[in-house]
C-alpha atoms as a PDB file:
ATOM      1  CA  MET A   1    -122.952 -37.216  54.949  1.00  0.00           C
ATOM      2  CA  ALA A   2    -119.214 -36.942  55.527  1.00  0.00           C
ATOM      3  CA  ASP A   3    -117.081 -35.568  52.751  1.00  0.00           C
ATOM      4  CA  GLU A   4    -115.233 -38.195  50.770  1.00  0.00           C
ATOM      5  CA  ALA A   5    -111.447 -38.264  51.184  1.00  0.00           C
ATOM      6  CA  LYS A   6    -109.688 -36.255  48.555  1.00  0.00           C
ATOM      7  CA  PRO A   7    -107.783 -38.589  46.188  1.00  0.00           C
ATOM      8  CA  LEU A   8    -104.016 -38.304  46.168  1.00  0.00           C
ATOM      9  CA  SER A   9    -102.374 -36.643  43.213  1.00  0.00           C
ATOM     10  CA  ALA A  10    -100.190 -38.697  40.877  1.00  0.00           C
ATOM     11  CA  LYS A  11     -97.130 -36.865  42.220  1.00  0.00           C
ATOM     12  CA  LYS A  12     -98.016 -37.735  45.807  1.00  0.00           C
ATOM     13  CA  VAL A  13     -98.597 -41.355  44.880  1.00  0.00           C
ATOM     14  CA  ARG A  14     -95.193 -41.601  43.210  1.00  0.00           C
ATOM     15  CA  LYS A  15     -93.578 -40.014  46.254  1.00  0.00           C
ATOM     16  CA  ASN A  16     -95.234 -42.539  48.612  1.00  0.00           C
ATOM     17  CA  VAL A  17     -94.210 -45.450  46.398  1.00  0.00           C
ATOM     18  CA  TYR A  18     -90.607 -44.250  46.299  1.00  0.00           C
ATOM     19  CA  TRP A  19     -90.591 -43.648  50.074  1.00  0.00           C
ATOM     20  CA  ALA A  20     -91.757 -47.204  50.727  1.00  0.00           C
ATOM     21  CA  LYS A  21     -89.229 -48.647  48.288  1.00  0.00           C
ATOM     22  CA  LEU A  22     -86.297 -46.775  49.821  1.00  0.00           C
ATOM     23  CA  GLU A  23     -87.322 -47.814  53.333  1.00  0.00           C
ATOM     24  CA  SER A  24     -87.612 -51.418  52.175  1.00  0.00           C
ATOM     25  CA  CYS A  25     -84.106 -51.334  50.702  1.00  0.00           C
ATOM     26  CA  LEU A  26     -82.655 -49.816  53.877  1.00  0.00           C
ATOM     27  CA  ASN A  27     -84.152 -52.671  55.886  1.00  0.00           C
ATOM     28  CA  ARG A  28     -83.297 -55.525  53.474  1.00  0.00           C
ATOM     29  CA  TYR A  29     -79.727 -54.588  52.576  1.00  0.00           C
ATOM     30  CA  LYS A  30     -76.780 -53.994  54.901  1.00  0.00           C
ATOM     31  CA  ASN A  31     -74.416 -52.473  52.311  1.00  0.00           C
ATOM     32  CA  ILE A  32     -74.802 -49.447  50.029  1.00  0.00           C
ATOM     33  CA  LEU A  33     -72.641 -48.067  47.242  1.00  0.00           C
ATOM     34  CA  ILE A  34     -73.175 -44.307  46.864  1.00  0.00           C
ATOM     35  CA  ILE A  35     -72.874 -43.420  43.171  1.00  0.00           C
ATOM     36  CA  THR A  36     -72.826 -40.372  40.913  1.00  0.00           C
ATOM     37  CA  VAL A  37     -74.345 -40.581  37.436  1.00  0.00           C
ATOM     38  CA  ASP A  38     -73.293 -37.367  35.718  1.00  0.00           C
ATOM     39  CA  PHE A  39     -73.853 -37.560  31.944  1.00  0.00           C
ATOM     40  CA  VAL A  40     -75.078 -41.166  32.195  1.00  0.00           C
ATOM     41  CA  GLY A  41     -78.071 -41.868  29.954  1.00  0.00           C
ATOM     42  CA  SER A  42     -81.161 -43.897  30.796  1.00  0.00           C
ATOM     43  CA  ARG A  43     -80.184 -46.628  28.345  1.00  0.00           C
ATOM     44  CA  GLN A  44     -76.809 -47.009  30.017  1.00  0.00           C
ATOM     45  CA  MET A  45     -78.470 -47.180  33.438  1.00  0.00           C
ATOM     46  CA  GLN A  46     -80.797 -49.916  32.186  1.00  0.00           C
ATOM     47  CA  VAL A  47     -77.840 -51.998  31.008  1.00  0.00           C
ATOM     48  CA  VAL A  48     -76.211 -51.726  34.448  1.00  0.00           C
ATOM     49  CA  ARG A  49     -79.464 -52.653  36.208  1.00  0.00           C
ATOM     50  CA  SER A  50     -79.741 -55.786  34.101  1.00  0.00           C
ATOM     51  CA  ALA A  51     -76.105 -56.739  34.729  1.00  0.00           C
ATOM     52  CA  ILE A  52     -76.396 -56.717  38.541  1.00  0.00           C
ATOM     53  CA  ARG A  53     -79.984 -57.965  38.804  1.00  0.00           C
ATOM     54  CA  GLY A  54     -80.278 -60.480  41.638  1.00  0.00           C
ATOM     55  CA  ARG A  55     -77.118 -59.189  43.337  1.00  0.00           C
ATOM     56  CA  GLY A  56     -77.852 -55.506  43.751  1.00  0.00           C
ATOM     57  CA  GLU A  57     -80.551 -52.896  43.287  1.00  0.00           C
ATOM     58  CA  ILE A  58     -80.059 -49.395  41.899  1.00  0.00           C
ATOM     59  CA  LEU A  59     -82.296 -46.694  43.315  1.00  0.00           C
ATOM     60  CA  MET A  60     -82.280 -43.068  42.227  1.00  0.00           C
ATOM     61  CA  GLY A  61     -84.481 -40.259  43.512  1.00  0.00           C
ATOM     62  CA  LYS A  62     -84.827 -36.665  44.619  1.00  0.00           C
ATOM     63  CA  ASN A  63     -82.300 -35.661  47.227  1.00  0.00           C
ATOM     64  CA  THR A  64     -84.880 -33.917  49.408  1.00  0.00           C
ATOM     65  CA  ILE A  65     -86.973 -37.083  49.695  1.00  0.00           C
ATOM     66  CA  ILE A  66     -83.891 -39.211  50.337  1.00  0.00           C
ATOM     67  CA  ARG A  67     -82.858 -36.955  53.223  1.00  0.00           C
ATOM     68  CA  LYS A  68     -86.342 -37.153  54.748  1.00  0.00           C
ATOM     69  CA  VAL A  69     -86.377 -40.944  54.541  1.00  0.00           C
ATOM     70  CA  LEU A  70     -82.923 -41.219  56.109  1.00  0.00           C
ATOM     71  CA  ARG A  71     -83.914 -38.930  58.979  1.00  0.00           C
ATOM     72  CA  GLU A  72     -87.174 -40.814  59.544  1.00  0.00           C
ATOM     73  CA  ASN A  73     -85.317 -44.142  59.755  1.00  0.00           C
ATOM     74  CA  SER A  74     -82.369 -42.853  61.779  1.00  0.00           C
ATOM     75  CA  GLU A  75     -84.143 -43.687  65.056  1.00  0.00           C
ATOM     76  CA  LYS A  76     -83.793 -47.421  64.410  1.00  0.00           C
ATOM     77  CA  ILE A  77     -80.644 -47.128  62.265  1.00  0.00           C
ATOM     78  CA  PRO A  78     -78.629 -44.178  63.680  1.00  0.00           C
ATOM     79  CA  GLU A  79     -75.739 -44.786  61.241  1.00  0.00           C
ATOM     80  CA  LEU A  80     -77.917 -43.520  58.378  1.00  0.00           C
ATOM     81  CA  LEU A  81     -77.280 -39.961  59.565  1.00  0.00           C
ATOM     82  CA  ASP A  82     -73.684 -40.347  58.340  1.00  0.00           C
ATOM     83  CA  LEU A  83     -75.052 -40.525  54.796  1.00  0.00           C
ATOM     84  CA  LEU A  84     -76.751 -37.133  54.904  1.00  0.00           C
ATOM     85  CA  PRO A  85     -73.650 -35.097  53.893  1.00  0.00           C
ATOM     86  CA  LEU A  86     -73.325 -37.333  50.813  1.00  0.00           C
ATOM     87  CA  ILE A  87     -76.810 -36.629  49.493  1.00  0.00           C
ATOM     88  CA  LYS A  88     -75.955 -33.948  46.958  1.00  0.00           C
ATOM     89  CA  GLY A  89     -75.705 -33.596  43.218  1.00  0.00           C
ATOM     90  CA  ASN A  90     -76.728 -36.236  40.724  1.00  0.00           C
ATOM     91  CA  MET A  91     -76.364 -39.234  43.019  1.00  0.00           C
ATOM     92  CA  GLY A  92     -78.053 -42.513  43.856  1.00  0.00           C
ATOM     93  CA  PHE A  93     -77.694 -45.821  45.697  1.00  0.00           C
ATOM     94  CA  ILE A  94     -76.765 -49.396  44.836  1.00  0.00           C
ATOM     95  CA  PHE A  95     -78.072 -51.663  47.579  1.00  0.00           C
ATOM     96  CA  THR A  96     -76.455 -55.081  47.962  1.00  0.00           C
ATOM     97  CA  ASN A  97     -75.644 -57.878  50.371  1.00  0.00           C
ATOM     98  CA  GLY A  98     -73.016 -59.303  48.032  1.00  0.00           C
ATOM     99  CA  ASP A  99     -69.342 -58.597  47.467  1.00  0.00           C
ATOM    100  CA  LEU A 100     -68.918 -54.834  47.303  1.00  0.00           C
ATOM    101  CA  ASN A 101     -65.717 -54.788  45.296  1.00  0.00           C
ATOM    102  CA  SER A 102     -66.923 -57.094  42.519  1.00  0.00           C
ATOM    103  CA  ILE A 103     -70.185 -55.174  42.083  1.00  0.00           C
ATOM    104  CA  ARG A 104     -68.323 -51.844  42.130  1.00  0.00           C
ATOM    105  CA  LYS A 105     -65.905 -52.961  39.417  1.00  0.00           C
ATOM    106  CA  GLU A 106     -68.714 -54.348  37.276  1.00  0.00           C
ATOM    107  CA  VAL A 107     -70.829 -51.223  37.601  1.00  0.00           C
ATOM    108  CA  MET A 108     -67.941 -48.906  36.739  1.00  0.00           C
ATOM    109  CA  SER A 109     -66.928 -51.002  33.727  1.00  0.00           C
ATOM    110  CA  PHE A 110     -69.978 -49.826  31.749  1.00  0.00           C
ATOM    111  CA  LYS A 111     -68.713 -46.662  30.075  1.00  0.00           C
ATOM    112  CA  LEU A 112     -69.670 -45.036  26.794  1.00  0.00           C
ATOM    113  CA  PRO A 113     -67.732 -42.535  24.646  1.00  0.00           C
ATOM    114  CA  ALA A 114     -69.061 -39.006  24.969  1.00  0.00           C
ATOM    115  CA  ALA A 115     -68.540 -35.755  23.147  1.00  0.00           C
ATOM    116  CA  ALA A 116     -67.004 -32.793  24.951  1.00  0.00           C
ATOM    117  CA  LYS A 117     -69.389 -30.225  26.406  1.00  0.00           C
ATOM    118  CA  ALA A 118     -68.567 -26.569  26.951  1.00  0.00           C
ATOM    119  CA  GLY A 119     -68.073 -25.605  30.598  1.00  0.00           C
ATOM    120  CA  VAL A 120     -67.611 -29.188  31.799  1.00  0.00           C
ATOM    121  CA  LEU A 121     -64.400 -30.198  33.553  1.00  0.00           C
ATOM    122  CA  ALA A 122     -62.237 -32.297  31.244  1.00  0.00           C
ATOM    123  CA  GLN A 123     -61.641 -35.877  32.339  1.00  0.00           C
ATOM    124  CA  ALA A 124     -58.207 -35.909  30.699  1.00  0.00           C
ATOM    125  CA  ASP A 125     -55.883 -33.882  28.512  1.00  0.00           C
ATOM    126  CA  VAL A 126     -57.082 -33.805  24.904  1.00  0.00           C
ATOM    127  CA  THR A 127     -54.736 -33.217  21.979  1.00  0.00           C
ATOM    128  CA  VAL A 128     -55.713 -33.405  18.315  1.00  0.00           C
ATOM    129  CA  PRO A 129     -52.810 -35.028  16.472  1.00  0.00           C
ATOM    130  CA  ALA A 130     -51.344 -33.655  13.285  1.00  0.00           C
ATOM    131  CA  GLY A 131     -52.681 -35.289  10.149  1.00  0.00           C
ATOM    132  CA  PRO A 132     -55.583 -35.332   7.696  1.00  0.00           C
ATOM    133  CA  THR A 133     -58.991 -34.274   8.975  1.00  0.00           C
ATOM    134  CA  GLY A 134     -61.163 -35.492   6.119  1.00  0.00           C
ATOM    135  CA  LEU A 135     -62.699 -32.027   5.760  1.00  0.00           C
ATOM    136  CA  ASP A 136     -62.903 -30.249   2.425  1.00  0.00           C
ATOM    137  CA  PRO A 137     -60.818 -27.117   1.743  1.00  0.00           C
ATOM    138  CA  GLY A 138     -63.933 -24.922   1.976  1.00  0.00           C
ATOM    139  CA  GLN A 139     -63.712 -25.142   5.787  1.00  0.00           C
ATOM    140  CA  THR A 140     -60.191 -23.712   6.022  1.00  0.00           C
ATOM    141  CA  SER A 141     -61.548 -20.468   7.480  1.00  0.00           C
ATOM    142  CA  PHE A 142     -62.823 -22.384  10.508  1.00  0.00           C
ATOM    143  CA  PHE A 143     -59.293 -23.530  11.376  1.00  0.00           C
ATOM    144  CA  GLN A 144     -57.902 -20.070  10.677  1.00  0.00           C
ATOM    145  CA  THR A 145     -60.337 -18.608  13.200  1.00  0.00           C
ATOM    146  CA  LEU A 146     -58.952 -20.999  15.824  1.00  0.00           C
ATOM    147  CA  ASN A 147     -55.346 -20.189  14.822  1.00  0.00           C
ATOM    148  CA  ILE A 148     -54.674 -23.790  13.822  1.00  0.00           C
ATOM    149  CA  ALA A 149     -51.996 -24.311  11.169  1.00  0.00           C
ATOM    150  CA  THR A 150     -53.251 -26.389   8.240  1.00  0.00           C
ATOM    151  CA  LYS A 151     -52.455 -27.261   4.655  1.00  0.00           C
ATOM    152  CA  ILE A 152     -54.347 -28.820   1.783  1.00  0.00           C
ATOM    153  CA  THR A 153     -53.266 -32.353   0.936  1.00  0.00           C
ATOM    154  CA  LYS A 154     -55.037 -34.412  -1.741  1.00  0.00           C
ATOM    155  CA  GLY A 155     -58.142 -32.256  -1.561  1.00  0.00           C
ATOM    156  CA  SER A 156     -58.424 -32.474   2.239  1.00  0.00           C
ATOM    157  CA  ILE A 157     -57.458 -30.181   5.125  1.00  0.00           C
ATOM    158  CA  GLU A 158     -54.489 -31.490   7.096  1.00  0.00           C
ATOM    159  CA  ILE A 159     -53.426 -30.227  10.525  1.00  0.00           C
ATOM    160  CA  THR A 160     -49.676 -29.651  10.482  1.00  0.00           C
ATOM    161  CA  VAL A 161     -49.006 -29.310  14.213  1.00  0.00           C
ATOM    162  CA  PRO A 162     -50.673 -31.184  17.153  1.00  0.00           C
ATOM    163  CA  VAL A 163     -53.269 -29.000  18.865  1.00  0.00           C
ATOM    164  CA  HIS A 164     -53.734 -29.173  22.653  1.00  0.00           C
ATOM    165  CA  LEU A 165     -57.405 -28.475  23.311  1.00  0.00           C
ATOM    166  CA  CYS A 166     -58.269 -29.547  26.858  1.00  0.00           C
ATOM    167  CA  THR A 167     -56.427 -29.813  30.155  1.00  0.00           C
ATOM    168  CA  LYS A 168     -57.536 -32.306  32.779  1.00  0.00           C
ATOM    169  CA  ASP A 169     -59.792 -30.876  35.513  1.00  0.00           C
ATOM    170  CA  GLN A 170     -60.165 -27.575  33.661  1.00  0.00           C
ATOM    171  CA  LYS A 171     -63.297 -26.371  31.877  1.00  0.00           C
ATOM    172  CA  VAL A 172     -63.710 -27.283  28.229  1.00  0.00           C
ATOM    173  CA  THR A 173     -63.930 -24.196  25.998  1.00  0.00           C
ATOM    174  CA  ALA A 174     -66.548 -23.618  23.315  1.00  0.00           C
ATOM    175  CA  SER A 175     -63.884 -23.511  20.598  1.00  0.00           C
ATOM    176  CA  ALA A 176     -62.554 -26.906  21.683  1.00  0.00           C
ATOM    177  CA  VAL A 177     -66.073 -28.348  21.531  1.00  0.00           C
ATOM    178  CA  ALA A 178     -66.570 -26.893  18.060  1.00  0.00           C
ATOM    179  CA  LEU A 179     -63.338 -28.399  16.713  1.00  0.00           C
ATOM    180  CA  LEU A 180     -63.917 -31.812  18.286  1.00  0.00           C
ATOM    181  CA  SER A 181     -67.432 -31.834  16.900  1.00  0.00           C
ATOM    182  CA  LYS A 182     -66.146 -30.974  13.411  1.00  0.00           C
ATOM    183  CA  LEU A 183     -63.678 -33.837  13.578  1.00  0.00           C
ATOM    184  CA  ASN A 184     -66.266 -36.192  15.104  1.00  0.00           C
ATOM    185  CA  ILE A 185     -64.004 -36.904  18.073  1.00  0.00           C
ATOM    186  CA  LYS A 186     -65.486 -38.090  21.369  1.00  0.00           C
ATOM    187  CA  PRO A 187     -62.568 -37.710  23.773  1.00  0.00           C
ATOM    188  CA  PHE A 188     -64.286 -38.587  27.023  1.00  0.00           C
ATOM    189  CA  GLU A 189     -66.219 -41.521  28.398  1.00  0.00           C
ATOM    190  CA  TYR A 190     -68.832 -41.439  31.106  1.00  0.00           C
ATOM    191  CA  GLY A 191     -70.279 -44.041  33.399  1.00  0.00           C
ATOM    192  CA  ILE A 192     -71.442 -44.653  36.938  1.00  0.00           C
ATOM    193  CA  VAL A 193     -68.847 -43.605  39.525  1.00  0.00           C
ATOM    194  CA  VAL A 194     -68.856 -45.173  42.997  1.00  0.00           C
ATOM    195  CA  THR A 195     -67.666 -42.520  45.442  1.00  0.00           C
ATOM    196  CA  THR A 196     -68.482 -43.845  48.916  1.00  0.00           C
ATOM    197  CA  VAL A 197     -69.335 -47.106  50.633  1.00  0.00           C
ATOM    198  CA  TYR A 198     -71.760 -47.716  53.490  1.00  0.00           C
ATOM    199  CA  GLU A 199     -70.976 -51.141  54.959  1.00  0.00           C
ATOM    200  CA  ALA A 200     -72.845 -52.404  58.005  1.00  0.00           C
ATOM    201  CA  GLY A 201     -72.997 -48.916  59.527  1.00  0.00           C
ATOM    202  CA  SER A 202     -69.497 -47.774  58.524  1.00  0.00           C
ATOM    203  CA  VAL A 203     -68.967 -45.088  55.862  1.00  0.00           C
ATOM    204  CA  TYR A 204     -65.670 -44.875  53.970  1.00  0.00           C
ATOM    205  CA  SER A 205     -64.225 -43.906  50.605  1.00  0.00           C
ATOM    206  CA  ALA A 206     -64.698 -46.379  47.773  1.00  0.00           C
ATOM    207  CA  ASP A 207     -60.939 -46.270  47.101  1.00  0.00           C
ATOM    208  CA  VAL A 208     -60.491 -48.511  50.145  1.00  0.00           C
ATOM    209  CA  LEU A 209     -62.001 -51.371  48.131  1.00  0.00           C
ATOM    210  CA  ASP A 210     -58.960 -51.303  45.838  1.00  0.00           C
ATOM    211  CA  LEU A 211     -56.691 -52.360  48.709  1.00  0.00           C
ATOM    212  CA  ASP A 212     -55.818 -56.056  48.871  1.00  0.00           C
ATOM    213  CA  MET A 213     -54.408 -58.097  51.761  1.00  0.00           C
ATOM    214  CA  ASN A 214     -50.808 -57.307  50.797  1.00  0.00           C
ATOM    215  CA  ASP A 215     -51.566 -53.573  51.031  1.00  0.00           C
ATOM    216  CA  LEU A 216     -53.131 -53.985  54.475  1.00  0.00           C
ATOM    217  CA  VAL A 217     -50.219 -56.070  55.739  1.00  0.00           C
ATOM    218  CA  GLY A 218     -47.800 -53.474  54.376  1.00  0.00           C
ATOM    219  CA  PHE A 219     -49.631 -50.612  56.097  1.00  0.00           C
ATOM    220  CA  PHE A 220     -49.663 -52.539  59.373  1.00  0.00           C
ATOM    221  CA  ALA A 221     -45.964 -53.421  59.137  1.00  0.00           C
ATOM    222  CA  ASN A 222     -45.031 -49.793  58.418  1.00  0.00           C
ATOM    223  CA  ALA A 223     -47.114 -48.611  61.354  1.00  0.00           C
ATOM    224  CA  VAL A 224     -45.485 -51.129  63.705  1.00  0.00           C
ATOM    225  CA  SER A 225     -42.028 -50.150  62.445  1.00  0.00           C
ATOM    226  CA  THR A 226     -42.754 -46.449  63.007  1.00  0.00           C
ATOM    227  CA  LEU A 227     -44.136 -47.092  66.484  1.00  0.00           C
ATOM    228  CA  SER A 228     -41.092 -49.170  67.379  1.00  0.00           C
ATOM    229  CA  ALA A 229     -38.678 -46.444  66.229  1.00  0.00           C
ATOM    230  CA  LEU A 230     -40.548 -43.750  68.139  1.00  0.00           C
ATOM    231  CA  SER A 231     -40.688 -45.939  71.251  1.00  0.00           C
ATOM    232  CA  PHE A 232     -36.918 -46.482  71.162  1.00  0.00           C
ATOM    233  CA  ALA A 233     -36.384 -42.748  70.734  1.00  0.00           C
ATOM    234  CA  VAL A 234     -38.399 -41.890  73.863  1.00  0.00           C
ATOM    235  CA  LYS A 235     -37.200 -44.991  75.784  1.00  0.00           C
ATOM    236  CA  GLU A 236     -40.682 -46.455  76.044  1.00  0.00           C
ATOM    237  CA  VAL A 237     -41.022 -50.225  76.425  1.00  0.00           C
ATOM    238  CA  ASN A 238     -43.976 -51.828  74.655  1.00  0.00           C
ATOM    239  CA  ALA A 239     -44.896 -54.861  72.559  1.00  0.00           C
ATOM    240  CA  THR A 240     -43.227 -53.456  69.433  1.00  0.00           C
ATOM    241  CA  THR A 241     -39.838 -52.906  71.091  1.00  0.00           C
ATOM    242  CA  VAL A 242     -39.541 -56.179  73.021  1.00  0.00           C
ATOM    243  CA  PRO A 243     -38.601 -58.354  69.992  1.00  0.00           C
ATOM    244  CA  HIS A 244     -35.907 -55.842  68.990  1.00  0.00           C
ATOM    245  CA  SER A 245     -34.582 -55.708  72.547  1.00  0.00           C
ATOM    246  CA  PHE A 246     -34.322 -59.507  72.711  1.00  0.00           C
ATOM    247  CA  GLY A 247     -32.603 -59.519  69.325  1.00  0.00           C
ATOM    248  CA  ARG A 248     -30.071 -56.903  70.411  1.00  0.00           C
ATOM    249  CA  ALA A 249     -29.426 -58.740  73.677  1.00  0.00           C
ATOM    250  CA  PHE A 250     -28.827 -62.010  71.836  1.00  0.00           C
ATOM    251  CA  ASN A 251     -26.428 -60.317  69.445  1.00  0.00           C
ATOM    252  CA  ILE A 252     -24.406 -58.982  72.352  1.00  0.00           C
ATOM    253  CA  LEU A 253     -24.337 -62.386  74.076  1.00  0.00           C
ATOM    254  CA  ALA A 254     -23.362 -64.091  70.829  1.00  0.00           C
ATOM    255  CA  ALA A 255     -20.484 -61.647  70.348  1.00  0.00           C
ATOM    256  CA  ILE A 256     -19.281 -62.278  73.910  1.00  0.00           C
ATOM    257  CA  GLY A 257     -19.572 -66.038  73.428  1.00  0.00           C
ATOM    258  CA  LEU A 258     -17.501 -65.951  70.270  1.00  0.00           C
ATOM    259  CA  GLU A 259     -14.788 -63.855  71.900  1.00  0.00           C
ATOM    260  CA  ALA A 260     -14.730 -66.063  74.998  1.00  0.00           C
ATOM    261  CA  GLY A 261     -14.759 -69.325  73.004  1.00  0.00           C
ATOM    262  CA  VAL A 262     -17.962 -70.592  74.645  1.00  0.00           C
ATOM    263  CA  GLU A 263     -19.100 -73.951  73.290  1.00  0.00           C
ATOM    264  CA  SER A 264     -22.847 -74.654  73.213  1.00  0.00           C
ATOM    265  CA  GLU A 265     -25.553 -75.708  70.776  1.00  0.00           C
ATOM    266  CA  ALA A 266     -26.565 -72.068  70.176  1.00  0.00           C
ATOM    267  CA  MET A 267     -22.982 -71.002  69.565  1.00  0.00           C
ATOM    268  CA  THR A 268     -22.471 -73.898  67.175  1.00  0.00           C
ATOM    269  CA  LYS A 269     -25.407 -72.650  65.090  1.00  0.00           C
ATOM    270  CA  VAL A 270     -23.995 -69.112  65.129  1.00  0.00           C
ATOM    271  CA  LYS A 271     -20.625 -70.382  63.930  1.00  0.00           C
ATOM    272  CA  ASP A 272     -22.304 -72.415  61.175  1.00  0.00           C
ATOM    273  CA  ILE A 273     -24.156 -69.336  59.973  1.00  0.00           C
ATOM    274  CA  LEU A 274     -20.992 -67.282  59.935  1.00  0.00           C
ATOM    275  CA  ALA A 275     -19.130 -70.024  58.101  1.00  0.00           C
ATOM    276  CA  ASN A 276     -21.844 -70.148  55.434  1.00  0.00           C
ATOM    277  CA  LYS A 277     -22.257 -66.352  55.354  1.00  0.00           C
ATOM    278  CA  GLY A 278     -25.878 -66.662  56.485  1.00  0.00           C
ATOM    279  CA  GLY A 279     -26.632 -69.205  53.731  1.00  0.00           C
ATOM    280  CA  GLY A 280     -27.420 -72.933  53.520  1.00  0.00           C
ATOM    281  CA  GLY A 281     -25.821 -75.877  55.294  1.00  0.00           C
ATOM    282  CA  GLY A 282     -26.068 -75.934  59.041  1.00  0.00           C
ATOM    283  CA  GLY A 283     -27.073 -72.251  59.036  1.00  0.00           C
ATOM    284  CA  ALA A 284     -30.344 -73.051  57.283  1.00  0.00           C
ATOM    285  CA  ALA A 285     -31.471 -75.045  60.293  1.00  0.00           C
ATOM    286  CA  GLY A 286     -30.606 -72.299  62.753  1.00  0.00           C
ATOM    287  CA  GLY A 287     -33.293 -70.490  64.761  1.00  0.00           C
ATOM    288  CA  ASP A 288     -34.431 -66.904  64.335  1.00  0.00           C
ATOM    289  CA  GLY A 289     -32.142 -65.752  67.117  1.00  0.00           C
ATOM    290  CA  ALA A 290     -29.100 -67.248  65.415  1.00  0.00           C
ATOM    291  CA  ALA A 291     -30.018 -65.662  62.117  1.00  0.00           C
ATOM    292  CA  ALA A 292     -30.309 -62.282  63.776  1.00  0.00           C
ATOM    293  CA  ALA A 293     -26.846 -62.645  65.257  1.00  0.00           C
ATOM    294  CA  ALA A 294     -25.036 -63.149  61.977  1.00  0.00           C
ATOM    295  CA  PRO A 295     -25.012 -59.630  60.501  1.00  0.00           C
ATOM    296  CA  VAL A 296     -24.195 -57.992  63.856  1.00  0.00           C
ATOM    297  CA  VAL A 297     -21.244 -60.254  64.621  1.00  0.00           C
ATOM    298  CA  GLU A 298     -19.765 -59.342  61.234  1.00  0.00           C
ATOM    299  CA  GLU A 299     -19.424 -55.701  62.340  1.00  0.00           C
ATOM    300  CA  GLU A 300     -15.884 -56.360  63.605  1.00  0.00           C
ATOM    301  CA  GLU A 301     -14.927 -54.177  66.574  1.00  0.00           C
ATOM    302  CA  GLU A 302     -18.282 -52.364  66.918  1.00  0.00           C
ATOM    303  CA  GLU A 303     -19.736 -55.221  68.968  1.00  0.00           C
ATOM    304  CA  GLU A 304     -17.083 -54.920  71.671  1.00  0.00           C
ATOM    305  CA  ALA A 305     -18.372 -51.605  73.075  1.00  0.00           C
ATOM    306  CA  PRO A 306     -22.003 -52.737  73.604  1.00  0.00           C
ATOM    307  CA  ALA A 307     -20.718 -55.987  75.117  1.00  0.00           C
ATOM    308  CA  MET A 308     -18.904 -54.035  77.824  1.00  0.00           C
ATOM    309  CA  ASP A 309     -21.560 -51.326  78.217  1.00  0.00           C
ATOM    310  CA  MET A 310     -24.267 -53.839  79.126  1.00  0.00           C
ATOM    311  CA  PHE A 311     -22.739 -53.858  82.630  1.00  0.00           C
ATOM    312  CA  GLY A 312     -23.616 -50.224  83.293  1.00  0.00           C
ATOM    313  CA  GLY A 313     -21.498 -47.973  81.080  1.00  0.00           C
ATOM    314  CA  ASP A 314     -22.701 -44.508  80.049  1.00  0.00           C
ATOM    315  CA  ASP A 315     -22.691 -45.419  76.353  1.00  0.00           C
ATOM    316  CA  ALA A 316     -25.374 -48.041  76.925  1.00  0.00           C
ATOM    317  CA  GLU A 317     -27.789 -45.374  78.125  1.00  0.00           C
ATOM    318  CA  GLU A 318     -27.174 -43.251  75.052  1.00  0.00           C
ATOM    319  CA  GLU A 319     -27.785 -46.292  72.858  1.00  0.00           C
ATOM    320  CA  GLY A 320     -31.332 -46.650  74.254  1.00  0.00           C
ATOM    321  CA  ASP A 321     -31.322 -50.497  74.242  1.00  0.00           C
ATOM    322  CA  TYR A 322     -33.679 -52.313  76.527  1.00  0.00           C
END
């Protein structure tokens, strides 16, 4: 009679259940928020789970198992390998197919006040203000030990000078923890922090989600402006320099037309703009080319040199116009 299969241990069963759940999430969701949960309690996690239920799923686990699952599934989803360097510390996943930014903001809004802990990096500078502490005079020796100036006012210890206890991103000292605990001050607040985003195979910093369309347009415009300036400097013609070249050419032609007294529809619009100082009236109906001509024509004698150099002078080459 064959030996019966040895039953799996409870630990092995939990591992298999978690493995299957993580694989299921990787297949069902296309987006992942990578989170850190330092100093976040189970009750706080439960509140966040309830808040995003139906829109996202939070999954925590051992980092070693997570790495194994990602490697096992990397054959069909190669992009998962990009997540391996992020699997460290007290981290987890929020799986979602919804709007990443809204879920991120909602998740990070759940924060609770927390007492300072010795050896932990301070989230912010902490200063105890001068004023009454509510402690009885019998505890004066405690403040003397910490070299904190006090006085007794109406039967209570009062701090006479503000005391700077913690500096941001530096370790909190044991004495600072002791004083804050005495005064029942909870200077920090902890919650889930979203550090990285995995979106349809792309991995990027969560800070990118804070950018709106105006930011993106601004970045693009600055990049185009920089490329155009560099292209002019090296005398390289490309799509970013062509509009400027046409604008410069029109300005030169407009200056020549004004000097020569040329009459045309375009010149009439230029004259209207100049008469209205670039403002309303006939100038408002003028085209983009006419508008571009106005400020250049106002440069008095400076337009005369480019107008002549466009026929082959040496100064035109130095100018770099094309």
